[in-house]
Protein backbone atom coordinates (compact mmCIF):
# COMPACT_ATOMS: atom_id res chain seq x y z
CA MET A 1 1.75 -9.65 8.08
CA ILE A 2 5.11 -8.49 9.46
CA GLY A 3 7.07 -11.68 9.92
CA GLN A 4 10.27 -10.13 11.24
CA ARG A 5 11.02 -6.68 12.61
CA GLU A 6 14.05 -5.18 14.34
CA SER A 7 15.29 -1.74 15.34
CA VAL A 8 18.97 -0.92 15.89
CA ARG A 9 20.01 2.56 17.03
CA GLY A 10 17.25 4.29 15.09
CA ALA A 11 17.51 2.04 12.04
CA HIS A 12 14.45 -0.10 11.34
CA PHE A 13 14.31 -3.37 9.40
CA ALA A 14 11.21 -5.40 8.56
CA PHE A 15 10.27 -8.39 6.42
CA THR A 16 6.73 -9.47 5.57
CA ASP A 17 5.20 -12.93 5.42
CA ARG A 18 2.30 -13.85 3.12
CA TRP A 19 -0.63 -13.35 5.53
CA GLY A 20 -2.98 -10.50 6.38
CA GLY A 21 -3.68 -9.13 2.91
CA VAL A 22 -6.53 -9.16 0.41
CA SER A 23 -5.07 -10.93 -2.64
CA ALA A 24 -6.82 -14.05 -3.96
CA ALA A 25 -5.14 -17.33 -4.95
CA PRO A 26 -2.50 -17.94 -6.15
CA TYR A 27 -1.27 -14.66 -4.59
CA GLU A 28 -2.91 -15.05 -1.21
CA GLU A 29 -2.80 -13.07 0.89
CA LEU A 30 -0.26 -10.26 1.29
CA ASN A 31 1.18 -10.02 -2.20
CA LEU A 32 3.20 -6.80 -2.50
CA GLY A 33 4.46 -7.33 -6.05
CA GLY A 34 2.84 -5.31 -8.79
CA ALA A 35 4.15 -7.28 -11.77
CA VAL A 36 3.05 -10.85 -11.04
CA GLY A 37 -0.50 -10.77 -12.41
CA ASP A 38 -2.36 -9.84 -9.24
CA ALA A 39 -5.17 -7.27 -9.27
CA PRO A 40 -3.64 -3.78 -9.00
CA GLU A 41 -6.20 -2.68 -6.40
CA ALA A 42 -5.28 -5.65 -4.21
CA VAL A 43 -1.59 -4.82 -4.43
CA ARG A 44 -2.26 -1.17 -3.56
CA GLY A 45 -4.36 -2.22 -0.58
CA ASN A 46 -1.71 -4.65 0.60
CA ARG A 47 1.07 -2.08 0.31
CA GLU A 48 -0.96 0.45 2.27
CA ALA A 49 -1.79 -2.09 4.98
CA ALA A 50 1.80 -3.26 5.34
CA ALA A 51 3.10 0.29 5.56
CA ARG A 52 0.58 1.25 8.20
CA ALA A 53 1.37 -1.90 10.19
CA LEU A 54 4.93 -0.60 10.33
CA GLY A 55 3.87 2.91 11.30
CA LEU A 56 4.87 4.25 7.89
CA ASP A 57 3.16 6.67 5.54
CA PRO A 58 2.47 4.55 2.41
CA GLY A 59 3.33 7.58 0.31
CA LEU A 60 6.86 7.63 1.74
CA VAL A 61 7.74 4.08 0.72
CA VAL A 62 9.97 3.90 -2.38
CA TRP A 63 9.83 0.85 -4.66
CA MET A 64 11.92 -0.17 -7.68
CA ASN A 65 11.59 -2.22 -10.87
CA GLN A 66 14.00 -5.07 -10.18
CA VAL A 67 15.84 -6.69 -13.09
CA HIS A 68 18.55 -8.94 -11.56
CA GLY A 69 21.27 -6.41 -12.33
CA ALA A 70 23.82 -4.36 -10.39
CA ASP A 71 22.52 -0.81 -10.85
CA VAL A 72 21.78 1.38 -7.82
CA ALA A 73 19.56 4.47 -7.58
CA VAL A 74 20.06 7.18 -4.97
CA VAL A 75 16.70 8.63 -3.91
CA ASP A 76 15.58 11.50 -1.70
CA ALA A 77 11.84 11.42 -2.39
CA PRO A 78 9.10 9.13 -3.71
CA TRP A 79 9.01 8.80 -7.49
CA GLY A 80 5.69 10.59 -7.84
CA GLU A 81 4.93 10.92 -11.55
CA ARG A 82 8.45 9.95 -12.55
CA PRO A 83 9.01 6.48 -14.01
CA VAL A 84 10.22 3.89 -11.52
CA PRO A 85 13.77 2.97 -12.58
CA GLU A 86 15.01 -0.51 -13.43
CA VAL A 87 17.52 -1.02 -10.63
CA ASP A 88 18.21 -3.61 -7.96
CA ALA A 89 19.12 -1.33 -5.07
CA LEU A 90 17.95 1.94 -3.57
CA VAL A 91 20.03 4.19 -1.32
CA THR A 92 18.89 7.26 0.58
CA ALA A 93 20.24 9.82 3.00
CA ARG A 94 16.76 11.06 3.87
CA ARG A 95 15.59 9.98 7.29
CA GLY A 96 11.98 8.81 7.39
CA LEU A 97 11.98 7.68 3.76
CA ALA A 98 11.41 3.92 3.61
CA LEU A 99 13.02 1.78 0.93
CA ALA A 100 11.39 -1.48 -0.16
CA VAL A 101 12.66 -4.60 -1.93
CA LEU A 102 10.52 -7.43 -3.34
CA THR A 103 11.48 -11.12 -3.23
CA ALA A 104 10.12 -14.64 -3.51
CA ASP A 105 13.33 -16.71 -3.03
CA CYS A 106 15.99 -14.08 -3.77
CA VAL A 107 17.80 -12.45 -0.85
CA PRO A 108 16.43 -9.11 0.40
CA VAL A 109 19.37 -7.10 1.76
CA LEU A 110 18.66 -4.19 4.13
CA LEU A 111 21.49 -1.89 5.20
CA ALA A 112 21.75 1.20 7.38
CA ASP A 113 24.41 3.43 8.91
CA PRO A 114 22.47 5.14 11.72
CA VAL A 115 25.28 7.64 12.39
CA ALA A 116 25.54 8.88 8.82
CA GLY A 117 21.79 8.60 8.27
CA VAL A 118 22.16 6.45 5.16
CA ALA A 119 19.99 3.42 4.36
CA ALA A 120 19.77 0.97 1.47
CA ALA A 121 17.66 -1.91 0.20
CA ALA A 122 19.03 -4.38 -2.35
CA HIS A 123 17.64 -7.31 -4.33
CA ALA A 124 20.26 -10.06 -4.46
CA GLY A 125 19.20 -13.00 -6.56
CA ARG A 126 21.81 -15.36 -7.93
CA PRO A 127 22.51 -13.18 -11.01
CA GLY A 128 22.66 -9.95 -9.02
CA MET A 129 24.92 -11.45 -6.36
CA VAL A 130 27.32 -12.60 -9.08
CA LYS A 131 27.20 -9.20 -10.81
CA GLY A 132 28.03 -7.41 -7.55
CA ILE A 133 24.84 -5.67 -6.47
CA VAL A 134 25.85 -5.83 -2.81
CA PRO A 135 29.31 -4.20 -3.24
CA ALA A 136 27.74 -1.60 -5.55
CA THR A 137 25.17 -0.76 -2.89
CA VAL A 138 27.74 -0.40 -0.14
CA ARG A 139 29.87 1.83 -2.40
CA ALA A 140 26.86 4.08 -3.01
CA MET A 141 26.27 4.28 0.74
CA VAL A 142 29.90 5.22 1.37
CA GLU A 143 29.65 8.00 -1.22
CA LEU A 144 26.85 9.47 0.92
CA GLY A 145 28.94 9.35 4.09
CA ALA A 146 28.39 5.84 5.44
CA GLU A 147 31.27 3.82 6.89
CA PRO A 148 31.26 0.04 6.41
CA GLU A 149 32.16 -0.71 10.03
CA ARG A 150 29.06 1.24 11.16
CA ILE A 151 26.66 -0.39 8.69
CA VAL A 152 24.01 -2.71 10.11
CA ALA A 153 23.01 -5.43 7.62
CA ARG A 154 19.98 -7.71 7.78
CA THR A 155 19.01 -10.30 5.15
CA GLY A 156 15.53 -11.73 5.02
CA PRO A 157 13.74 -14.95 4.09
CA ALA A 158 15.20 -16.59 0.98
CA VAL A 159 15.64 -20.03 -0.54
CA CYS A 160 18.41 -21.80 1.36
CA GLY A 161 21.47 -23.51 -0.05
CA ARG A 162 20.11 -26.94 0.80
CA CYS A 163 17.06 -26.32 -1.40
CA TYR A 164 18.37 -24.20 -4.30
CA GLU A 165 19.32 -26.92 -6.79
CA VAL A 166 21.17 -25.82 -9.93
CA PRO A 167 23.15 -27.55 -12.72
CA GLU A 168 26.76 -28.32 -11.87
CA THR A 169 27.98 -25.89 -14.52
CA MET A 170 25.96 -23.07 -12.96
CA ARG A 171 27.27 -23.84 -9.47
CA ALA A 172 30.82 -23.75 -10.82
CA GLU A 173 30.23 -20.41 -12.55
CA VAL A 174 28.78 -18.87 -9.38
CA ALA A 175 31.48 -20.31 -7.12
CA ALA A 176 34.19 -18.95 -9.42
CA VAL A 177 32.92 -15.47 -8.53
CA GLU A 178 31.80 -16.14 -4.95
CA PRO A 179 33.20 -19.37 -3.42
CA ALA A 180 31.00 -19.04 -0.33
CA ALA A 181 27.92 -19.64 -2.47
CA HIS A 182 29.03 -23.19 -3.37
CA ALA A 183 26.47 -25.56 -1.81
CA GLU A 184 24.85 -28.96 -1.98
CA THR A 185 21.18 -29.81 -1.61
CA SER A 186 19.93 -31.97 1.22
CA TRP A 187 19.55 -34.75 -1.36
CA GLY A 188 23.17 -34.47 -2.56
CA THR A 189 22.97 -32.47 -5.81
CA PRO A 190 24.69 -29.19 -6.82
CA ALA A 191 23.24 -26.06 -5.25
CA VAL A 192 23.88 -22.36 -4.70
CA ASP A 193 23.59 -20.55 -1.36
CA VAL A 194 22.94 -16.93 -2.29
CA SER A 195 22.57 -15.78 1.32
CA ALA A 196 25.99 -17.21 2.18
CA GLY A 197 27.46 -15.43 -0.83
CA VAL A 198 25.89 -12.12 0.18
CA HIS A 199 27.21 -12.37 3.73
CA ALA A 200 30.69 -13.26 2.48
CA GLN A 201 30.66 -10.17 0.29
CA LEU A 202 29.51 -8.00 3.18
CA ASP A 203 32.24 -9.43 5.38
CA ARG A 204 34.94 -8.56 2.83
CA LEU A 205 33.50 -5.05 2.58
CA GLY A 206 33.98 -4.59 6.32
CA VAL A 207 30.31 -4.88 7.32
CA CYS A 208 30.44 -6.81 10.58
CA ASP A 209 27.01 -6.22 12.16
CA ARG A 210 25.09 -8.77 10.11
CA ALA A 211 22.19 -11.15 10.71
CA GLN A 212 20.49 -13.63 8.42
CA SER A 213 16.90 -14.84 8.56
CA PRO A 214 16.59 -18.56 9.35
CA VAL A 215 13.55 -18.86 7.04
CA CYS A 216 13.87 -20.80 3.79
CA THR A 217 11.11 -19.53 1.53
CA LEU A 218 10.84 -22.79 -0.39
CA GLU A 219 10.30 -24.76 2.82
CA SER A 220 8.00 -22.24 4.53
CA GLY A 221 4.31 -22.19 3.75
CA ASP A 222 4.16 -18.78 5.39
CA HIS A 223 6.25 -17.21 2.63
CA PHE A 224 6.02 -16.88 -1.14
CA SER A 225 8.41 -19.03 -3.20
CA TYR A 226 8.76 -18.75 -6.95
CA ARG A 227 10.76 -21.97 -7.19
CA ARG A 228 8.05 -23.85 -5.32
CA ASP A 229 4.90 -22.35 -6.83
CA ARG A 230 5.88 -20.34 -9.96
CA SER A 231 2.63 -18.32 -9.96
CA THR A 232 2.84 -16.60 -6.60
CA GLY A 233 3.10 -13.30 -4.77
CA ARG A 234 6.05 -11.30 -3.51
CA LEU A 235 7.32 -10.56 -0.02
CA ALA A 236 8.83 -7.21 0.90
CA GLY A 237 11.71 -6.00 3.01
CA TYR A 238 11.64 -2.44 4.37
CA VAL A 239 14.38 -0.25 5.82
CA TRP A 240 14.21 3.31 7.16
CA LEU A 241 15.89 5.60 9.66
CA ASP A 242 14.41 7.87 12.31
């Protein structure tokens, strides 16, 4: 259920795998995405189970409607009856409030400054990485008192550069914005490495405490992959501060 988990100075980071939930095929088992066609009651049950496995109150986990953009929302409480905004990053200065990001090949980016008490979760697909979702998220954290050199960054399972084949024109367009994302597949065709692009952006922003998951979602049967399966579930990354 929880594929990766780490705690750093009171900041907690976690990434799920696909097992331990109640969703039926093609979403089996721990689908946490509510907009992929899965039964709503299964998604609710999975979200509750994942939160409790992390020691979290499911009611204190904040989700977002991700749209491959560069907009960031600052939150201090669950949405409740309010509409969930269309953004690709959440930032909070409330300790104990967990932020969640959904992925199935895109890069989940979890960030925290334990000293300032500021945390963030961002969804960095290829379009969002190019549009600058990661710099926008760090800027929002800094506005709440975070300092880049104190930020701890963890990126989760995502499609790797040796598997993410794209047309040559698309690779050139991406590399013109982020050269570190220029890649080649293991079979010698143009590719994009979104994780490498995200980490290059974090490095330029002064975020030095970074770690990247070794898991390629397309290669791993333990993780959901949209590029591999199309109809599939969604993984989640969670970040929160004590």
